[in-house]
Amino acid sequence: MLARDTTNAARNVFGQPLMPCSVDPVTGFYRDGCCNSGPEDIGSHTVCVQMTADFLAFSRARGNDLSTPVPEYGFPGLKPGDQWCLCAARWQEAYQAGFAPKVVLLSTHERALEVCDFIALKAHAIDLV
């Protein structure tokens, strides 16, 4: 597990404390279950999503196969319904192509807003009532 700066509490897109995304499978750049981010997270793995078959196929077609396990890196492979911290740029790309997966806003790091449109994220939210 990579070390991270814990002096500032991570915030979600609402400026509230960041909630966990998934521990089964365990996700996050730091593999801590949260979409925490830091300077070494160049890909900004900050959008907590719920995987769909359409998105997984879209990502595979773009050269990022998230379905196939890669045991040597501790990656179990994802299936529809799994929650995962996705790269913000990949989510935005999928949104623009019409394949964006649903988003858990309370678990999406505020850094995602540097790349993703907030209105689009809200339109795909599964945790708004």
C-alpha atoms as a PDB file:
ATOM      1  CA  MET A   1       0.000   0.000   0.000  1.00  0.00           C
ATOM      2  CA  LEU A   2       1.298   3.433  -0.907  1.00  0.00           C
ATOM      3  CA  ALA A   3       1.732   6.075   1.769  1.00  0.00           C
ATOM      4  CA  ARG A   4      -0.437   9.142   1.565  1.00  0.00           C
ATOM      5  CA  ASP A   5      -0.738  12.478   3.295  1.00  0.00           C
ATOM      6  CA  THR A   6      -3.438  12.242   5.963  1.00  0.00           C
ATOM      7  CA  THR A   7      -3.013  15.762   7.332  1.00  0.00           C
ATOM      8  CA  ASN A   8      -5.994  16.964   5.296  1.00  0.00           C
ATOM      9  CA  ALA A   9      -9.164  14.896   5.357  1.00  0.00           C
ATOM     10  CA  ALA A  10     -10.281  13.849   1.888  1.00  0.00           C
ATOM     11  CA  ARG A  11     -13.482  15.507   0.656  1.00  0.00           C
ATOM     12  CA  ASN A  12     -16.131  14.394  -1.804  1.00  0.00           C
ATOM     13  CA  VAL A  13     -17.697  16.480  -4.575  1.00  0.00           C
ATOM     14  CA  PHE A  14     -19.994  18.139  -2.014  1.00  0.00           C
ATOM     15  CA  GLY A  15     -17.057  19.184   0.203  1.00  0.00           C
ATOM     16  CA  GLN A  16     -18.042  16.598   2.832  1.00  0.00           C
ATOM     17  CA  PRO A  17     -15.847  13.786   4.187  1.00  0.00           C
ATOM     18  CA  LEU A  18     -15.154  11.182   1.499  1.00  0.00           C
ATOM     19  CA  MET A  19     -17.096   7.948   2.036  1.00  0.00           C
ATOM     20  CA  PRO A  20     -15.718   4.493   1.128  1.00  0.00           C
ATOM     21  CA  CYS A  21     -16.345   3.223  -2.395  1.00  0.00           C
ATOM     22  CA  SER A  22     -15.676  -0.544  -2.154  1.00  0.00           C
ATOM     23  CA  VAL A  23     -13.789  -3.092  -0.106  1.00  0.00           C
ATOM     24  CA  ASP A  24     -15.059  -6.060  -2.166  1.00  0.00           C
ATOM     25  CA  PRO A  25     -13.288  -5.712  -4.482  1.00  0.00           C
ATOM     26  CA  VAL A  26     -10.930  -3.403  -2.636  1.00  0.00           C
ATOM     27  CA  THR A  27     -10.487  -0.264  -4.714  1.00  0.00           C
ATOM     28  CA  GLY A  28      -8.718   3.062  -4.738  1.00  0.00           C
ATOM     29  CA  PHE A  29      -5.330   4.221  -5.899  1.00  0.00           C
ATOM     30  CA  TYR A  30      -4.056   3.409  -2.407  1.00  0.00           C
ATOM     31  CA  ARG A  31      -6.185   0.211  -2.216  1.00  0.00           C
ATOM     32  CA  ASP A  32      -7.847   1.546   0.920  1.00  0.00           C
ATOM     33  CA  GLY A  33     -11.444   1.199  -0.303  1.00  0.00           C
ATOM     34  CA  CYS A  34     -11.771   4.946  -0.964  1.00  0.00           C
ATOM     35  CA  CYS A  35     -11.210   7.141  -4.006  1.00  0.00           C
ATOM     36  CA  ASN A  36      -8.473   9.028  -2.174  1.00  0.00           C
ATOM     37  CA  SER A  37      -5.995  10.877  -4.330  1.00  0.00           C
ATOM     38  CA  GLY A  38      -2.612  12.483  -4.005  1.00  0.00           C
ATOM     39  CA  PRO A  39       0.169  13.900  -6.147  1.00  0.00           C
ATOM     40  CA  GLU A  40       1.362  10.431  -7.198  1.00  0.00           C
ATOM     41  CA  ASP A  41      -2.136   9.533  -8.499  1.00  0.00           C
ATOM     42  CA  ILE A  42      -1.469  10.874 -11.975  1.00  0.00           C
ATOM     43  CA  GLY A  43      -4.566   9.161 -13.413  1.00  0.00           C
ATOM     44  CA  SER A  44      -6.860  10.744 -10.798  1.00  0.00           C
ATOM     45  CA  HIS A  45      -8.652   7.534  -9.712  1.00  0.00           C
ATOM     46  CA  THR A  46     -11.322   9.656  -8.078  1.00  0.00           C
ATOM     47  CA  VAL A  47     -14.771   8.741  -9.467  1.00  0.00           C
ATOM     48  CA  CYS A  48     -16.596   6.014  -7.550  1.00  0.00           C
ATOM     49  CA  VAL A  49     -18.659   4.124 -10.113  1.00  0.00           C
ATOM     50  CA  GLN A  50     -20.872   1.081 -10.320  1.00  0.00           C
ATOM     51  CA  MET A  51     -19.711  -1.045 -13.253  1.00  0.00           C
ATOM     52  CA  THR A  52     -22.022  -1.908 -16.141  1.00  0.00           C
ATOM     53  CA  ALA A  53     -21.508  -4.386 -18.972  1.00  0.00           C
ATOM     54  CA  ASP A  54     -21.687  -1.531 -21.492  1.00  0.00           C
ATOM     55  CA  PHE A  55     -19.001   0.478 -19.713  1.00  0.00           C
ATOM     56  CA  LEU A  56     -16.720  -2.546 -19.291  1.00  0.00           C
ATOM     57  CA  ALA A  57     -17.000  -3.246 -23.034  1.00  0.00           C
ATOM     58  CA  PHE A  58     -16.345   0.443 -23.805  1.00  0.00           C
ATOM     59  CA  SER A  59     -13.259   0.499 -21.589  1.00  0.00           C
ATOM     60  CA  ARG A  60     -11.923  -2.748 -23.093  1.00  0.00           C
ATOM     61  CA  ALA A  61     -12.379  -1.280 -26.593  1.00  0.00           C
ATOM     62  CA  ARG A  62     -10.322   1.754 -25.472  1.00  0.00           C
ATOM     63  CA  GLY A  63      -7.449  -0.500 -24.370  1.00  0.00           C
ATOM     64  CA  ASN A  64      -8.218  -0.734 -20.646  1.00  0.00           C
ATOM     65  CA  ASP A  65      -9.629  -4.213 -19.959  1.00  0.00           C
ATOM     66  CA  LEU A  66     -11.109  -4.014 -16.471  1.00  0.00           C
ATOM     67  CA  SER A  67     -12.885  -7.386 -16.728  1.00  0.00           C
ATOM     68  CA  THR A  68      -9.892  -9.697 -16.894  1.00  0.00           C
ATOM     69  CA  PRO A  69      -8.172 -10.577 -13.599  1.00  0.00           C
ATOM     70  CA  VAL A  70      -4.481  -9.718 -13.303  1.00  0.00           C
ATOM     71  CA  PRO A  71      -3.433 -11.749 -10.234  1.00  0.00           C
ATOM     72  CA  GLU A  72       0.193 -10.579 -10.272  1.00  0.00           C
ATOM     73  CA  TYR A  73      -1.093  -7.067  -9.498  1.00  0.00           C
ATOM     74  CA  GLY A  74      -3.814  -8.214  -7.114  1.00  0.00           C
ATOM     75  CA  PHE A  75      -6.517  -7.157  -9.581  1.00  0.00           C
ATOM     76  CA  PRO A  76      -9.568  -9.450  -9.454  1.00  0.00           C
ATOM     77  CA  GLY A  77     -11.230  -8.268 -12.666  1.00  0.00           C
ATOM     78  CA  LEU A  78     -14.513  -6.391 -12.451  1.00  0.00           C
ATOM     79  CA  LYS A  79     -18.056  -7.381 -13.298  1.00  0.00           C
ATOM     80  CA  PRO A  80     -21.306  -5.441 -13.623  1.00  0.00           C
ATOM     81  CA  GLY A  81     -22.442  -4.218 -10.211  1.00  0.00           C
ATOM     82  CA  ASP A  82     -18.927  -3.907  -8.753  1.00  0.00           C
ATOM     83  CA  GLN A  83     -18.003  -0.480  -7.416  1.00  0.00           C
ATOM     84  CA  TRP A  84     -14.595   0.892  -8.363  1.00  0.00           C
ATOM     85  CA  CYS A  85     -12.555   4.105  -8.253  1.00  0.00           C
ATOM     86  CA  LEU A  86     -12.315   5.033 -11.909  1.00  0.00           C
ATOM     87  CA  CYS A  87      -9.970   7.527 -13.547  1.00  0.00           C
ATOM     88  CA  ALA A  88     -11.796  10.820 -13.934  1.00  0.00           C
ATOM     89  CA  ALA A  89     -10.725  11.231 -17.562  1.00  0.00           C
ATOM     90  CA  ARG A  90     -12.043   7.747 -18.440  1.00  0.00           C
ATOM     91  CA  TRP A  91     -15.410   8.553 -16.845  1.00  0.00           C
ATOM     92  CA  GLN A  92     -15.634  11.841 -18.770  1.00  0.00           C
ATOM     93  CA  GLU A  93     -14.667  10.074 -22.006  1.00  0.00           C
ATOM     94  CA  ALA A  94     -17.334   7.392 -21.406  1.00  0.00           C
ATOM     95  CA  TYR A  95     -19.896  10.094 -20.614  1.00  0.00           C
ATOM     96  CA  GLN A  96     -19.200  11.905 -23.869  1.00  0.00           C
ATOM     97  CA  ALA A  97     -19.516   8.598 -25.767  1.00  0.00           C
ATOM     98  CA  GLY A  98     -22.781   7.648 -24.025  1.00  0.00           C
ATOM     99  CA  PHE A  99     -21.360   4.801 -21.890  1.00  0.00           C
ATOM    100  CA  ALA A 100     -20.814   6.442 -18.496  1.00  0.00           C
ATOM    101  CA  PRO A 101     -21.391   4.139 -15.531  1.00  0.00           C
ATOM    102  CA  LYS A 102     -23.459   5.261 -12.544  1.00  0.00           C
ATOM    103  CA  VAL A 103     -21.660   7.362  -9.917  1.00  0.00           C
ATOM    104  CA  VAL A 104     -21.607   7.304  -6.114  1.00  0.00           C
ATOM    105  CA  LEU A 105     -21.161  11.018  -5.408  1.00  0.00           C
ATOM    106  CA  LEU A 106     -20.552  10.702  -1.660  1.00  0.00           C
ATOM    107  CA  SER A 107     -17.596   8.447  -2.494  1.00  0.00           C
ATOM    108  CA  THR A 108     -16.276  10.520  -5.422  1.00  0.00           C
ATOM    109  CA  HIS A 109     -13.256  12.659  -4.520  1.00  0.00           C
ATOM    110  CA  GLU A 110     -13.523  16.410  -5.094  1.00  0.00           C
ATOM    111  CA  ARG A 111     -10.459  16.189  -7.358  1.00  0.00           C
ATOM    112  CA  ALA A 112     -12.713  14.524  -9.971  1.00  0.00           C
ATOM    113  CA  LEU A 113     -14.230  17.964 -10.585  1.00  0.00           C
ATOM    114  CA  GLU A 114     -10.941  19.046 -12.184  1.00  0.00           C
ATOM    115  CA  VAL A 115     -11.848  16.761 -15.107  1.00  0.00           C
ATOM    116  CA  CYS A 116     -15.518  15.811 -14.862  1.00  0.00           C
ATOM    117  CA  ASP A 117     -18.572  17.970 -15.314  1.00  0.00           C
ATOM    118  CA  PHE A 118     -20.483  18.139 -12.003  1.00  0.00           C
ATOM    119  CA  ILE A 119     -23.897  18.301 -13.695  1.00  0.00           C
ATOM    120  CA  ALA A 120     -23.043  15.163 -15.689  1.00  0.00           C
ATOM    121  CA  LEU A 121     -21.856  13.376 -12.542  1.00  0.00           C
ATOM    122  CA  LYS A 122     -25.092  14.314 -10.744  1.00  0.00           C
ATOM    123  CA  ALA A 123     -27.175  13.082 -13.687  1.00  0.00           C
ATOM    124  CA  HIS A 124     -25.522   9.649 -13.287  1.00  0.00           C
ATOM    125  CA  ALA A 125     -25.673   9.525  -9.486  1.00  0.00           C
ATOM    126  CA  ILE A 126     -27.103   6.491  -7.725  1.00  0.00           C
ATOM    127  CA  ASP A 127     -26.929   8.012  -4.260  1.00  0.00           C
ATOM    128  CA  LEU A 128     -29.167  11.073  -4.691  1.00  0.00           C
ATOM    129  CA  VAL A 129     -32.756  10.868  -3.518  1.00  0.00           C
END
